[in-house]
């Protein structure tokens, strides 16, 4: 299974979601590899810090740029799950990954600036489905205020109702300091003591991965 975590805008928590999904799945004895196609190399550095700190199990990460479709197809023969972290912009990496991915997760804040990027994402998914008709695509509310409000979800759902290619995930990832701390330390939040963040990642995994039930 190839999972692409991508967005049309930076700062939406893509690398946080990608790294935490990978850690959660590898702890479920799933063969996982991270593929970092973003020039910022956040996931690659995360994997290096994890290795340097001796945290197990290891989460392998490779860096690729340009047309990554052939690389992802090859990796899919060797790993159960490939988690791809793409840069926060329309790019060759994002488009080529969409052409071969099974699942696209689009982290977005519940803000007007973020929601305004979704028409472009919707268009890109439509184009990708010309080559990859089975691609599933979901927007994930990310970095949401830690005090839950129904309004933000309603606003996002209303915005997404305009688009025919994207659905809204049930799981919401809140803006918690533990996510930033974990990323800098090479941990997944499921390895730390914040039960709320841990539950969010577990729920996200259960929503999309049968192996993580």
Protein backbone atom coordinates (compact mmCIF):
# COMPACT_ATOMS: atom_id res chain seq x y z
CA UNK A 1 0.00 0.00 0.00
CA UNK A 2 1.36 3.40 -1.01
CA UNK A 3 0.20 6.31 1.16
CA UNK A 4 0.94 9.85 0.01
CA UNK A 5 0.80 12.67 2.56
CA UNK A 6 0.74 15.89 0.56
CA UNK A 7 -0.72 19.38 0.45
CA UNK A 8 -0.73 22.47 -1.70
CA UNK A 9 0.49 24.54 1.26
CA UNK A 10 3.35 24.16 3.72
CA UNK A 11 3.03 24.13 7.50
CA UNK A 12 0.03 21.83 7.66
CA UNK A 13 1.64 18.96 9.58
CA UNK A 14 2.46 16.63 6.69
CA UNK A 15 5.74 15.36 8.08
CA UNK A 16 4.22 15.01 11.55
CA UNK A 17 1.42 12.82 10.21
CA UNK A 18 3.72 10.81 7.91
CA UNK A 19 6.29 10.06 10.63
CA UNK A 20 3.67 9.19 13.25
CA UNK A 21 1.80 6.86 10.91
CA UNK A 22 5.08 5.12 10.08
CA UNK A 23 6.05 4.67 13.73
CA UNK A 24 2.62 3.39 14.68
CA UNK A 25 2.57 0.84 11.85
CA UNK A 26 6.13 -0.39 12.41
CA UNK A 27 5.20 -0.99 16.06
CA UNK A 28 2.37 -3.18 14.74
CA UNK A 29 5.03 -5.32 13.00
CA UNK A 30 4.20 -3.88 9.58
CA UNK A 31 7.08 -3.56 7.10
CA UNK A 32 7.11 0.20 6.53
CA UNK A 33 9.39 2.62 4.70
CA UNK A 34 9.23 6.42 4.67
CA UNK A 35 9.96 8.15 1.37
CA UNK A 36 10.91 11.79 1.76
CA UNK A 37 10.46 13.78 -1.47
CA UNK A 38 10.49 17.18 0.25
CA UNK A 39 13.58 19.37 -0.05
CA UNK A 40 13.28 20.22 3.66
CA UNK A 41 13.97 16.53 4.42
CA UNK A 42 12.00 16.61 7.67
CA UNK A 43 11.20 12.89 7.65
CA UNK A 44 14.73 11.95 6.62
CA UNK A 45 16.15 13.89 9.56
CA UNK A 46 13.51 12.35 11.83
CA UNK A 47 14.64 8.86 10.82
CA UNK A 48 18.30 9.79 11.37
CA UNK A 49 17.56 11.15 14.86
CA UNK A 50 15.64 7.98 15.69
CA UNK A 51 18.60 5.83 14.60
CA UNK A 52 21.12 8.00 16.44
CA UNK A 53 19.07 7.79 19.65
CA UNK A 54 18.84 4.01 19.32
CA UNK A 55 15.04 4.05 19.31
CA UNK A 56 13.50 0.84 18.03
CA UNK A 57 11.99 -0.46 15.98
CA UNK A 58 13.79 1.38 13.19
CA UNK A 59 11.83 3.36 10.60
CA UNK A 60 13.83 3.29 7.36
CA UNK A 61 13.64 6.41 5.20
CA UNK A 62 14.89 7.10 1.70
CA UNK A 63 15.03 10.43 -0.13
CA UNK A 64 13.93 10.78 -3.74
CA UNK A 65 13.11 13.71 -6.00
CA UNK A 66 11.70 14.12 -9.49
CA UNK A 67 9.47 11.40 -10.92
CA UNK A 68 9.15 8.97 -8.02
CA UNK A 69 6.56 6.59 -9.55
CA UNK A 70 9.01 3.84 -10.51
CA UNK A 71 10.72 4.01 -7.11
CA UNK A 72 7.39 3.67 -5.31
CA UNK A 73 6.30 0.75 -7.47
CA UNK A 74 9.58 -1.01 -6.72
CA UNK A 75 9.29 -0.37 -2.98
CA UNK A 76 5.72 -1.68 -2.97
CA UNK A 77 7.09 -5.10 -3.90
CA UNK A 78 9.36 -5.07 -0.85
CA UNK A 79 7.34 -3.30 1.86
CA UNK A 80 3.77 -3.64 3.08
CA UNK A 81 3.28 0.12 3.46
CA UNK A 82 5.15 3.01 1.84
CA UNK A 83 4.50 6.41 3.45
CA UNK A 84 5.44 9.29 1.17
CA UNK A 85 6.02 12.80 2.52
CA UNK A 86 5.69 15.34 -0.32
CA UNK A 87 6.49 19.04 -0.22
CA UNK A 88 3.81 21.64 0.43
CA UNK A 89 3.33 22.64 -3.19
CA UNK A 90 2.30 21.31 -6.58
CA UNK A 91 5.39 19.43 -7.73
CA UNK A 92 6.61 16.67 -10.00
CA UNK A 93 7.12 14.56 -6.89
CA UNK A 94 3.52 15.02 -5.74
CA UNK A 95 1.99 14.38 -9.17
CA UNK A 96 4.07 11.29 -9.93
CA UNK A 97 3.33 9.85 -6.46
CA UNK A 98 -0.41 10.46 -6.92
CA UNK A 99 -0.28 8.39 -10.11
CA UNK A 100 0.69 5.22 -8.20
CA UNK A 101 -0.60 5.76 -4.64
CA UNK A 102 -3.50 3.90 -3.09
CA UNK A 103 -4.32 6.62 -0.57
CA UNK A 104 -3.80 10.37 -0.47
CA UNK A 105 -4.03 12.21 2.85
CA UNK A 106 -4.16 16.00 2.59
CA UNK A 107 -3.52 17.67 5.97
CA UNK A 108 -5.23 21.03 6.19
CA UNK A 109 -5.86 23.55 8.92
CA UNK A 110 -9.44 24.68 9.43
CA UNK A 111 -8.50 28.18 8.25
CA UNK A 112 -9.63 30.13 5.23
CA UNK A 113 -6.07 30.31 3.86
CA UNK A 114 -5.72 26.53 3.97
CA UNK A 115 -9.21 25.72 2.75
CA UNK A 116 -8.64 27.99 -0.25
CA UNK A 117 -5.91 25.60 -1.46
CA UNK A 118 -8.35 22.70 -1.76
CA UNK A 119 -9.74 23.57 -5.22
CA UNK A 120 -6.24 23.04 -6.66
CA UNK A 121 -5.84 19.77 -4.75
CA UNK A 122 -9.25 18.64 -5.98
CA UNK A 123 -8.13 19.36 -9.56
CA UNK A 124 -4.87 17.44 -9.07
CA UNK A 125 -6.73 14.42 -7.68
CA UNK A 126 -9.08 14.49 -10.67
CA UNK A 127 -6.09 14.49 -13.04
CA UNK A 128 -4.38 11.69 -11.07
CA UNK A 129 -7.50 9.53 -11.22
CA UNK A 130 -7.24 9.63 -15.01
CA UNK A 131 -4.17 7.40 -14.54
CA UNK A 132 -5.02 5.92 -11.16
CA UNK A 133 -8.81 5.56 -10.88
CA UNK A 134 -8.66 3.69 -7.56
CA UNK A 135 -6.87 6.50 -5.69
CA UNK A 136 -8.66 7.32 -2.43
CA UNK A 137 -8.28 10.94 -1.29
CA UNK A 138 -9.10 12.45 2.09
CA UNK A 139 -8.52 15.83 3.69
CA UNK A 140 -7.40 15.55 7.32
CA UNK A 141 -8.01 18.43 9.72
CA UNK A 142 -4.56 18.98 11.18
CA UNK A 143 -3.05 21.29 13.78
CA UNK A 144 -6.59 22.06 14.92
CA UNK A 145 -7.07 24.02 18.16
CA UNK A 146 -6.65 21.71 21.15
CA UNK A 147 -10.00 22.85 22.54
CA UNK A 148 -12.38 21.06 20.18
CA UNK A 149 -15.10 23.11 18.56
CA UNK A 150 -17.83 21.78 16.34
CA UNK A 151 -17.70 24.89 14.19
CA UNK A 152 -14.26 24.22 12.69
CA UNK A 153 -15.32 20.76 11.57
CA UNK A 154 -18.57 22.07 10.14
CA UNK A 155 -16.73 24.81 8.26
CA UNK A 156 -14.27 22.32 6.79
CA UNK A 157 -17.00 19.88 5.85
CA UNK A 158 -18.98 22.66 4.20
CA UNK A 159 -15.90 23.77 2.25
CA UNK A 160 -15.17 20.21 1.14
CA UNK A 161 -18.73 19.65 -0.02
CA UNK A 162 -17.90 21.83 -3.03
CA UNK A 163 -15.34 19.32 -4.27
CA UNK A 164 -16.10 16.00 -5.90
CA UNK A 165 -12.67 14.37 -5.43
CA UNK A 166 -12.02 14.80 -1.69
CA UNK A 167 -13.66 13.47 1.43
CA UNK A 168 -13.09 14.63 5.01
CA UNK A 169 -11.45 12.12 7.36
CA UNK A 170 -13.23 11.43 10.63
CA UNK A 171 -10.04 11.79 12.68
CA UNK A 172 -8.81 15.26 13.68
CA UNK A 173 -5.17 15.90 14.60
CA UNK A 174 -4.94 18.65 17.23
CA UNK A 175 -2.18 21.21 17.69
CA UNK A 176 -0.23 19.68 20.59
CA UNK A 177 3.35 20.45 21.63
CA UNK A 178 4.04 16.74 22.01
CA UNK A 179 3.92 16.32 18.22
CA UNK A 180 6.73 18.85 17.78
CA UNK A 181 8.76 17.35 20.62
CA UNK A 182 8.35 13.83 19.25
CA UNK A 183 9.45 14.83 15.75
CA UNK A 184 12.61 16.48 17.11
CA UNK A 185 13.46 13.47 19.29
CA UNK A 186 12.87 10.73 16.71
CA UNK A 187 9.77 9.41 18.46
CA UNK A 188 6.21 8.77 17.49
CA UNK A 189 3.63 10.11 19.93
CA UNK A 190 2.44 6.53 20.46
CA UNK A 191 5.77 5.98 22.24
CA UNK A 192 5.23 8.90 24.62
CA UNK A 193 2.89 9.59 27.51
CA UNK A 194 0.38 11.99 25.93
CA UNK A 195 -2.74 9.84 25.75
CA UNK A 196 -4.70 12.34 23.66
CA UNK A 197 -2.10 12.56 20.88
CA UNK A 198 -1.58 8.81 21.03
CA UNK A 199 -5.32 8.24 20.59
CA UNK A 200 -5.43 10.60 17.59
CA UNK A 201 -2.74 8.69 15.71
CA UNK A 202 -4.28 5.34 16.62
CA UNK A 203 -7.68 6.53 15.37
CA UNK A 204 -6.16 7.85 12.14
CA UNK A 205 -4.42 4.52 11.55
CA UNK A 206 -7.56 2.54 12.32
CA UNK A 207 -9.53 4.69 9.88
CA UNK A 208 -7.27 3.89 6.95
CA UNK A 209 -5.19 0.78 7.69
CA UNK A 210 -6.72 -2.60 8.33
CA UNK A 211 -3.35 -3.79 9.64
CA UNK A 212 -3.60 -1.24 12.46
CA UNK A 213 -6.98 -2.26 13.80
